[in-house]
């Protein structure tokens, strides 16, 4: 799966996803740090990449309608530390096939996933 990591996601996540066989690019690598959400979104969609973020602005399904994009994984954790994000991501990769989330909005908390698929 082609994935874009937003700047709020630790760079270490890239290695975990690459080890799982995914093609990963980061906002940091592309020198897009500090860019607006609309720029990040446009780049991710132009590159046909699934976006992983902690930014709540990407959870607005009126603006980012499921099925009209490559997909979004939004981490909603009490503490959005590197270790917390890494731990939840590793659990996700072990128990779920993220490739099936194309076009969906997936919200990950410490104990559950909520998946809003295209209708």
Protein backbone atom coordinates (compact mmCIF):
# COMPACT_ATOMS: atom_id res chain seq x y z
CA UNK A 1 0.00 0.00 0.00
CA UNK A 2 1.18 3.53 -0.79
CA UNK A 3 1.18 5.56 2.43
CA UNK A 4 1.85 9.20 3.37
CA UNK A 5 2.77 10.02 6.96
CA UNK A 6 1.71 13.44 8.18
CA UNK A 7 4.28 15.47 10.11
CA UNK A 8 2.59 14.63 13.43
CA UNK A 9 3.45 10.94 12.99
CA UNK A 10 6.88 9.87 14.30
CA UNK A 11 9.43 9.00 11.61
CA UNK A 12 9.99 5.60 13.26
CA UNK A 13 6.54 4.58 11.98
CA UNK A 14 7.92 4.68 8.45
CA UNK A 15 10.31 1.82 9.16
CA UNK A 16 7.58 -0.31 10.73
CA UNK A 17 5.34 0.15 7.70
CA UNK A 18 8.17 -0.46 5.24
CA UNK A 19 9.11 -3.66 7.06
CA UNK A 20 5.48 -4.74 6.57
CA UNK A 21 5.90 -4.22 2.81
CA UNK A 22 4.36 -0.77 2.36
CA UNK A 23 5.64 2.09 0.18
CA UNK A 24 5.95 4.99 2.63
CA UNK A 25 6.73 8.66 2.16
CA UNK A 26 6.68 11.28 4.88
CA UNK A 27 5.83 14.95 4.94
CA UNK A 28 9.31 15.48 6.45
CA UNK A 29 11.06 13.70 3.55
CA UNK A 30 9.23 15.80 1.00
CA UNK A 31 10.06 19.03 2.86
CA UNK A 32 6.38 19.77 3.40
CA UNK A 33 6.63 20.31 7.17
CA UNK A 34 4.57 23.32 8.16
CA UNK A 35 2.46 23.15 5.00
CA UNK A 36 -1.28 23.62 5.26
CA UNK A 37 -3.61 20.65 5.55
CA UNK A 38 -4.89 21.33 2.04
CA UNK A 39 -1.36 21.08 0.60
CA UNK A 40 -0.68 17.83 2.49
CA UNK A 41 -4.03 16.45 1.34
CA UNK A 42 -3.48 17.43 -2.28
CA UNK A 43 0.00 15.86 -2.35
CA UNK A 44 -1.25 12.64 -0.75
CA UNK A 45 -4.10 12.37 -3.23
CA UNK A 46 -1.96 13.28 -6.25
CA UNK A 47 0.46 10.53 -5.21
CA UNK A 48 -2.48 8.18 -4.51
CA UNK A 49 -1.39 7.60 -0.93
CA UNK A 50 -3.31 6.55 2.17
CA UNK A 51 -2.79 9.28 4.80
CA UNK A 52 -1.84 8.51 8.39
CA UNK A 53 -2.27 11.43 10.79
CA UNK A 54 -3.33 12.68 14.21
CA UNK A 55 -4.84 15.86 12.76
CA UNK A 56 -8.58 16.01 13.47
CA UNK A 57 -9.16 18.25 10.45
CA UNK A 58 -8.87 15.15 8.27
CA UNK A 59 -11.76 13.46 10.11
CA UNK A 60 -14.44 15.74 8.62
CA UNK A 61 -16.34 13.36 6.35
CA UNK A 62 -18.19 16.26 4.76
CA UNK A 63 -14.88 17.49 3.40
CA UNK A 64 -13.14 14.10 3.01
CA UNK A 65 -16.03 11.91 1.87
CA UNK A 66 -15.24 8.19 2.20
CA UNK A 67 -14.72 6.69 -1.23
CA UNK A 68 -13.44 9.90 -2.81
CA UNK A 69 -9.86 9.49 -1.59
CA UNK A 70 -7.21 6.86 -0.91
CA UNK A 71 -8.08 6.55 2.79
CA UNK A 72 -7.20 8.05 6.15
CA UNK A 73 -6.00 6.51 9.40
CA UNK A 74 -6.50 8.97 12.24
CA UNK A 75 -4.86 8.21 15.59
CA UNK A 76 -6.95 9.48 18.55
CA UNK A 77 -4.93 8.55 21.59
CA UNK A 78 -4.92 10.02 25.09
CA UNK A 79 -1.17 10.47 24.65
CA UNK A 80 0.09 10.80 21.10
CA UNK A 81 3.65 9.86 21.98
CA UNK A 82 5.93 7.91 19.68
CA UNK A 83 5.60 4.79 21.82
CA UNK A 84 1.79 5.01 21.98
CA UNK A 85 1.41 5.47 18.21
CA UNK A 86 3.93 2.71 17.52
CA UNK A 87 2.20 0.31 19.88
CA UNK A 88 -1.25 0.85 18.33
CA UNK A 89 0.17 0.66 14.80
CA UNK A 90 1.90 -2.64 15.54
CA UNK A 91 -1.38 -4.03 16.92
CA UNK A 92 -3.20 -2.82 13.80
CA UNK A 93 -0.68 -4.45 11.45
CA UNK A 94 -0.87 -7.71 13.38
CA UNK A 95 -4.67 -7.93 13.44
CA UNK A 96 -5.95 -6.04 10.39
CA UNK A 97 -5.37 -5.84 6.66
CA UNK A 98 -5.02 -2.12 6.11
CA UNK A 99 -5.11 -2.63 2.36
CA UNK A 100 -8.87 -3.13 2.74
CA UNK A 101 -9.24 0.42 4.09
CA UNK A 102 -8.86 2.14 0.73
CA UNK A 103 -11.26 5.07 0.64
CA UNK A 104 -12.21 4.68 4.31
CA UNK A 105 -11.81 6.88 7.37
CA UNK A 106 -10.34 4.76 10.15
CA UNK A 107 -10.11 6.17 13.66
CA UNK A 108 -7.77 4.29 15.96
CA UNK A 109 -7.88 4.64 19.72
CA UNK A 110 -5.91 2.61 22.23
CA UNK A 111 -8.63 -0.03 22.43
CA UNK A 112 -10.69 0.04 19.25
CA UNK A 113 -10.99 0.93 15.60
CA UNK A 114 -13.91 2.74 14.03
CA UNK A 115 -14.07 2.32 10.28
CA UNK A 116 -16.24 4.47 8.05
CA UNK A 117 -16.21 2.80 4.66
CA UNK A 118 -17.45 4.25 1.38
CA UNK A 119 -21.20 3.78 0.97
